[in-house]
Each structure stands twice: as structure tokens, then as C-alpha cells.
Amino acid sequence: MELTQSERLALIKNAHLATQGTINQLVENFVEEVKTEEVIGENGLFNVANADIEDEKQFLHSDVAEDIDEEDEDMGVVSDQMKGVYS
């Protein structure tokens, strides 16, 4: 993806504005695209179900997901075999 000079200048301007507390959708979209390319490049495409997407969408643009620590949740009954794994 090659940007024109005006697109590059706009990107730099928007990045500067974002550092000054001004949120700009162009910068967010650009970062989102770059991060998506990185993940797909490293891991390939995944078989994702719509239920997975809907489940994760609830945490979009929030810090709520960071407060959930699934490792601290009690799983209830654990088999003797699994207890041996963590002992």
C-alpha cells in the first residue's frame, strides 16, 4: 500500500493531533489496518465464528476486558487427573 504525498502529510498531521489529545478516525483506521496485517501475517487467517466476534465486540473501545482474569475464576469440579497437572 503506497500513500501519496498528501496522504502521508495528512497521516503525520493526524498523528500529531492525536498526541495532543485530538482523536482522529484516520489515524485509528491506519493503526487498525497495520495491526490487522501484522496479526494475519504472523498467524494466518483463523476460522472465526460469528458468536466469537459478537462475544469480543462487547469489549471494543473499553478497558473492561482487561479487568477479567479468567485464570482466577473457579472452574468448579476438577478431575483428579487435572489436579495432578497443577500440583
Protein backbone atom coordinates (compact mmCIF):
# COMPACT_ATOMS: atom_id res chain seq x y z
CA MET A 1 0.00 0.00 0.00
CA GLU A 2 1.74 3.16 -1.18
CA LEU A 3 0.45 6.52 0.07
CA THR A 4 0.55 9.73 -1.89
CA GLN A 5 2.46 12.68 -0.51
CA SER A 6 -0.74 14.41 0.60
CA GLU A 7 -1.93 11.22 2.32
CA ARG A 8 1.42 10.89 4.13
CA LEU A 9 1.28 14.53 5.24
CA ALA A 10 -2.30 14.08 6.44
CA LEU A 11 -1.25 10.98 8.35
CA ILE A 12 1.61 12.85 10.04
CA LYS A 13 -0.69 15.76 10.87
CA ASN A 14 -3.30 13.44 12.31
CA ALA A 15 -0.69 11.55 14.32
CA HIS A 16 0.49 14.85 15.78
CA LEU A 17 -3.07 15.88 16.61
CA ALA A 18 -3.68 12.51 18.26
CA THR A 19 -0.69 13.07 20.54
CA GLN A 20 -2.21 16.40 21.52
CA GLY A 21 -5.39 14.69 22.74
CA THR A 22 -7.34 15.10 19.49
CA ILE A 23 -8.63 11.71 18.36
CA ASN A 24 -8.76 11.28 14.62
CA GLN A 25 -10.52 8.42 12.87
CA LEU A 26 -7.97 8.32 10.04
CA VAL A 27 -5.14 7.57 12.44
CA GLU A 28 -7.21 4.94 14.25
CA ASN A 29 -8.11 3.28 10.95
CA PHE A 30 -4.49 3.27 9.82
CA VAL A 31 -3.26 1.72 13.06
CA GLU A 32 -6.06 -0.84 12.91
CA GLU A 33 -5.08 -1.83 9.37
CA VAL A 34 -1.39 -2.14 10.26
CA LYS A 35 -2.10 -4.25 13.34
CA THR A 36 -4.51 -6.46 11.39
CA GLU A 37 -1.87 -7.04 8.70
CA GLU A 38 0.68 -7.95 11.39
CA VAL A 39 -1.61 -10.48 13.05
CA ILE A 40 -2.66 -12.09 9.77
CA GLY A 41 0.94 -12.10 8.56
CA GLU A 42 2.14 -13.85 11.71
CA ASN A 43 -0.78 -16.24 12.25
CA GLY A 44 -2.72 -16.54 9.01
CA LEU A 45 -6.49 -16.46 8.89
CA PHE A 46 -8.50 -18.13 11.61
CA ASN A 47 -11.80 -19.98 11.48
CA VAL A 48 -13.83 -17.45 13.44
CA ALA A 49 -17.47 -17.98 14.29
CA ASN A 50 -19.92 -15.09 14.39
CA ALA A 51 -20.54 -15.91 18.04
CA ASP A 52 -16.84 -15.29 18.75
CA ILE A 53 -16.99 -11.92 17.02
CA GLU A 54 -20.14 -10.87 18.88
CA ASP A 55 -18.59 -12.00 22.16
CA GLU A 56 -15.47 -9.90 21.63
CA LYS A 57 -17.31 -6.87 20.20
CA GLN A 58 -18.72 -6.08 23.62
CA PHE A 59 -15.21 -5.15 24.79
CA LEU A 60 -14.33 -2.95 21.81
CA HIS A 61 -13.11 0.53 22.88
CA SER A 62 -13.29 -0.33 26.58
CA ASP A 63 -10.93 -1.50 29.30
CA VAL A 64 -13.46 -3.94 30.72
CA ALA A 65 -11.76 -6.97 29.16
CA GLU A 66 -8.54 -6.06 30.98
CA ASP A 67 -10.33 -6.42 34.33
CA ILE A 68 -11.38 -10.01 33.62
CA ASP A 69 -8.84 -12.56 34.74
CA GLU A 70 -10.14 -15.92 33.61
CA GLU A 71 -7.34 -17.72 35.43
CA ASP A 72 -8.74 -16.55 38.78
CA GLU A 73 -12.21 -17.94 38.12
CA ASP A 74 -13.17 -21.16 39.89
CA MET A 75 -13.89 -23.89 37.36
CA GLY A 76 -15.85 -25.98 39.84
CA VAL A 77 -15.17 -29.69 39.85
CA VAL A 78 -11.74 -30.66 38.53
CA SER A 79 -10.84 -34.26 37.80
CA ASP A 80 -8.06 -35.97 39.76
CA GLN A 81 -6.03 -36.15 36.55
CA MET A 82 -6.26 -32.38 36.06
CA LYS A 83 -5.46 -31.75 39.74
CA GLY A 84 -2.21 -33.64 39.18
CA VAL A 85 -1.26 -31.27 36.36
CA TYR A 86 -1.30 -28.25 38.65
CA SER A 87 0.22 -29.91 41.75
